[in-house]
């Protein structure tokens, strides 16, 4: 598996340090509030777990499963809700937790989808931001790292459901996916 990684882009140590900073920022911004963190499965799971351990607030969490990539390397543009929220968010401060903000199509759809449920606010925290690929007019309120236009995997991010268990973010070798 490791032999398929071209280079390590972000080390375990870099991830931990920045996620701790993000948790502190969110804790300051939501002092006195009890936000609900909504994780976008499956990619967010490692980031969300570490982020919530860094947040010094009472909070709740829920998850949504959405798809727009299938097993490929680029978004199909069609967003499908595979698992919706299990609780009401009306009047709540919602923080969507995403692994990567790439084209923005999924997060743009999801933010609108949740906004019609009358939350107090909807904000986005993403571990990785890839603005060079943006097709939708959306920005993250909190972002960990800006990354280049390369296919990144690890720390929850996958290619065809593989590589999620890497403890770092790496750039996948093109030969792994180029012929698809």
Protein backbone atom coordinates (compact mmCIF):
# COMPACT_ATOMS: atom_id res chain seq x y z
CA UNK A 1 0.00 0.00 0.00
CA UNK A 2 2.68 2.51 1.00
CA UNK A 3 4.55 1.79 -2.25
CA UNK A 4 1.62 3.39 -4.14
CA UNK A 5 2.20 6.76 -2.44
CA UNK A 6 4.24 9.23 -4.49
CA UNK A 7 5.01 11.50 -1.54
CA UNK A 8 3.79 12.34 1.96
CA UNK A 9 2.10 15.73 1.72
CA UNK A 10 1.11 16.17 5.38
CA UNK A 11 2.64 14.18 8.24
CA UNK A 12 0.84 12.86 11.31
CA UNK A 13 2.48 15.60 13.35
CA UNK A 14 1.35 18.37 10.99
CA UNK A 15 -2.21 17.02 11.01
CA UNK A 16 -2.34 16.80 14.79
CA UNK A 17 -0.99 20.32 15.30
CA UNK A 18 -3.39 21.97 12.85
CA UNK A 19 -6.42 20.03 14.08
CA UNK A 20 -5.63 21.15 17.63
CA UNK A 21 -5.58 24.76 16.36
CA UNK A 22 -8.89 24.29 14.54
CA UNK A 23 -10.47 22.90 17.72
CA UNK A 24 -9.30 25.95 19.67
CA UNK A 25 -10.68 28.33 16.99
CA UNK A 26 -14.07 26.62 17.01
CA UNK A 27 -14.11 26.58 20.83
CA UNK A 28 -13.52 30.34 20.89
CA UNK A 29 -16.09 31.09 18.18
CA UNK A 30 -18.81 28.96 19.79
CA UNK A 31 -18.12 29.79 23.45
CA UNK A 32 -21.39 29.47 25.36
CA UNK A 33 -23.06 27.55 22.52
CA UNK A 34 -23.61 23.84 22.00
CA UNK A 35 -23.05 23.18 18.30
CA UNK A 36 -23.86 19.99 16.48
CA UNK A 37 -21.06 18.61 14.34
CA UNK A 38 -22.33 16.86 11.21
CA UNK A 39 -19.74 14.55 9.73
CA UNK A 40 -19.84 13.71 6.05
CA UNK A 41 -19.06 10.00 5.81
CA UNK A 42 -16.90 8.20 5.15
CA UNK A 43 -13.91 10.47 4.66
CA UNK A 44 -14.42 12.67 7.71
CA UNK A 45 -14.22 9.96 10.36
CA UNK A 46 -10.56 10.31 11.39
CA UNK A 47 -10.56 14.10 11.14
CA UNK A 48 -13.85 14.45 13.02
CA UNK A 49 -12.74 12.18 15.86
CA UNK A 50 -9.53 14.15 16.38
CA UNK A 51 -11.27 17.51 15.90
CA UNK A 52 -13.91 16.78 18.53
CA UNK A 53 -11.21 15.74 21.01
CA UNK A 54 -9.73 19.22 20.44
CA UNK A 55 -12.98 21.12 20.98
CA UNK A 56 -13.58 22.39 24.52
CA UNK A 57 -17.38 22.75 24.34
CA UNK A 58 -20.49 20.79 25.04
CA UNK A 59 -21.49 19.54 21.63
CA UNK A 60 -23.35 16.79 19.86
CA UNK A 61 -22.64 14.98 16.65
CA UNK A 62 -24.42 13.28 13.83
CA UNK A 63 -23.45 11.90 10.46
CA UNK A 64 -24.63 12.04 6.90
CA UNK A 65 -23.54 9.80 4.06
CA UNK A 66 -23.55 11.41 0.66
CA UNK A 67 -22.01 10.32 -2.60
CA UNK A 68 -20.91 12.02 -5.76
CA UNK A 69 -17.67 10.19 -6.61
CA UNK A 70 -18.48 6.48 -6.80
CA UNK A 71 -15.20 4.61 -7.27
CA UNK A 72 -13.68 7.23 -9.57
CA UNK A 73 -11.33 10.15 -9.15
CA UNK A 74 -13.71 12.99 -10.00
CA UNK A 75 -17.18 14.01 -8.93
CA UNK A 76 -20.13 12.95 -11.04
CA UNK A 77 -21.88 16.22 -10.10
CA UNK A 78 -24.98 14.39 -8.85
CA UNK A 79 -25.26 14.32 -5.06
CA UNK A 80 -27.11 11.43 -3.44
CA UNK A 81 -28.08 11.36 0.24
CA UNK A 82 -27.42 7.80 1.44
CA UNK A 83 -27.90 8.56 5.17
CA UNK A 84 -29.65 11.62 6.52
CA UNK A 85 -29.45 13.19 9.97
CA UNK A 86 -31.04 11.33 12.85
CA UNK A 87 -31.99 14.49 14.78
CA UNK A 88 -33.67 17.82 14.28
CA UNK A 89 -31.31 20.78 13.72
CA UNK A 90 -33.84 23.61 13.91
CA UNK A 91 -32.38 26.46 15.97
CA UNK A 92 -29.02 24.67 16.34
CA UNK A 93 -25.58 25.83 15.28
CA UNK A 94 -24.47 23.25 12.69
CA UNK A 95 -20.85 22.66 11.76
CA UNK A 96 -20.43 20.42 8.71
CA UNK A 97 -17.22 18.38 8.99
CA UNK A 98 -15.68 17.37 5.67
CA UNK A 99 -12.40 15.73 4.71
CA UNK A 100 -11.78 17.77 1.55
CA UNK A 101 -13.39 20.71 -0.21
CA UNK A 102 -12.66 19.99 -3.86
CA UNK A 103 -15.17 20.92 -6.59
CA UNK A 104 -17.52 22.21 -3.89
CA UNK A 105 -20.56 20.64 -5.51
CA UNK A 106 -21.30 18.25 -2.65
CA UNK A 107 -20.77 20.80 0.12
CA UNK A 108 -22.75 23.48 -1.71
CA UNK A 109 -25.66 21.07 -2.07
CA UNK A 110 -25.35 19.87 1.53
CA UNK A 111 -25.19 23.37 3.01
CA UNK A 112 -28.37 24.36 1.16
CA UNK A 113 -30.02 21.04 2.06
CA UNK A 114 -29.39 21.64 5.77
CA UNK A 115 -30.17 25.39 5.68
CA UNK A 116 -33.82 24.77 4.76
CA UNK A 117 -34.23 23.00 8.12
CA UNK A 118 -33.92 26.36 9.92
CA UNK A 119 -30.72 25.92 11.92
CA UNK A 120 -29.32 28.94 13.78
CA UNK A 121 -26.28 28.74 11.50
CA UNK A 122 -24.46 26.39 9.14
CA UNK A 123 -20.70 26.56 8.88
CA UNK A 124 -18.11 24.29 7.31
CA UNK A 125 -14.85 22.91 8.62
CA UNK A 126 -12.68 20.99 6.18
CA UNK A 127 -9.36 19.34 6.74
CA UNK A 128 -8.19 19.99 3.17
CA UNK A 129 -9.07 22.74 0.72
CA UNK A 130 -8.32 22.38 -2.99
CA UNK A 131 -9.48 25.74 -4.44
CA UNK A 132 -7.97 25.06 -7.88
CA UNK A 133 -10.75 22.54 -8.52
CA UNK A 134 -13.70 24.64 -7.29
CA UNK A 135 -16.81 24.62 -9.47
CA UNK A 136 -19.26 25.89 -6.85
CA UNK A 137 -19.29 29.23 -5.07
CA UNK A 138 -18.49 27.96 -1.59
CA UNK A 139 -15.71 28.45 0.95
CA UNK A 140 -14.96 26.73 4.23
CA UNK A 141 -15.32 28.73 7.42
CA UNK A 142 -12.46 26.73 8.92
CA UNK A 143 -9.81 24.92 6.92
CA UNK A 144 -6.84 22.87 7.88
CA UNK A 145 -4.60 22.98 4.84
CA UNK A 146 -4.72 24.20 1.26
CA UNK A 147 -3.50 21.43 -1.02
CA UNK A 148 -2.38 21.30 -4.66
CA UNK A 149 -4.35 19.75 -7.50
CA UNK A 150 -3.19 16.19 -6.88
CA UNK A 151 -5.04 13.03 -5.90
CA UNK A 152 -4.60 12.81 -2.12
CA UNK A 153 -5.34 9.84 0.11
CA UNK A 154 -4.93 8.82 3.73
CA UNK A 155 -6.29 9.93 7.09
CA UNK A 156 -9.81 9.01 5.96
CA UNK A 157 -9.49 10.01 2.30
CA UNK A 158 -9.67 7.17 -0.17
CA UNK A 159 -9.28 5.96 -3.68
CA UNK A 160 -11.87 3.24 -4.41
CA UNK A 161 -12.28 2.70 -0.63
CA UNK A 162 -8.55 2.08 -0.13
CA UNK A 163 -5.84 4.06 1.69
CA UNK A 164 -8.18 5.55 4.36
CA UNK A 165 -6.10 3.94 7.12
CA UNK A 166 -2.87 5.78 6.33
CA UNK A 167 -1.97 8.02 9.30
CA UNK A 168 -0.87 10.86 7.00
CA UNK A 169 -2.03 12.57 3.79
CA UNK A 170 -0.15 11.35 0.74
CA UNK A 171 -0.24 11.98 -2.99
CA UNK A 172 -1.24 8.82 -4.84
CA UNK A 173 0.97 7.73 -7.74
CA UNK A 174 -0.79 8.42 -11.05
CA UNK A 175 -0.21 4.89 -12.33
CA UNK A 176 -2.68 3.66 -9.69
CA UNK A 177 -5.65 5.47 -11.23
CA UNK A 178 -4.59 6.90 -14.61
CA UNK A 179 -6.00 4.09 -16.78
CA UNK A 180 -9.52 4.37 -15.37
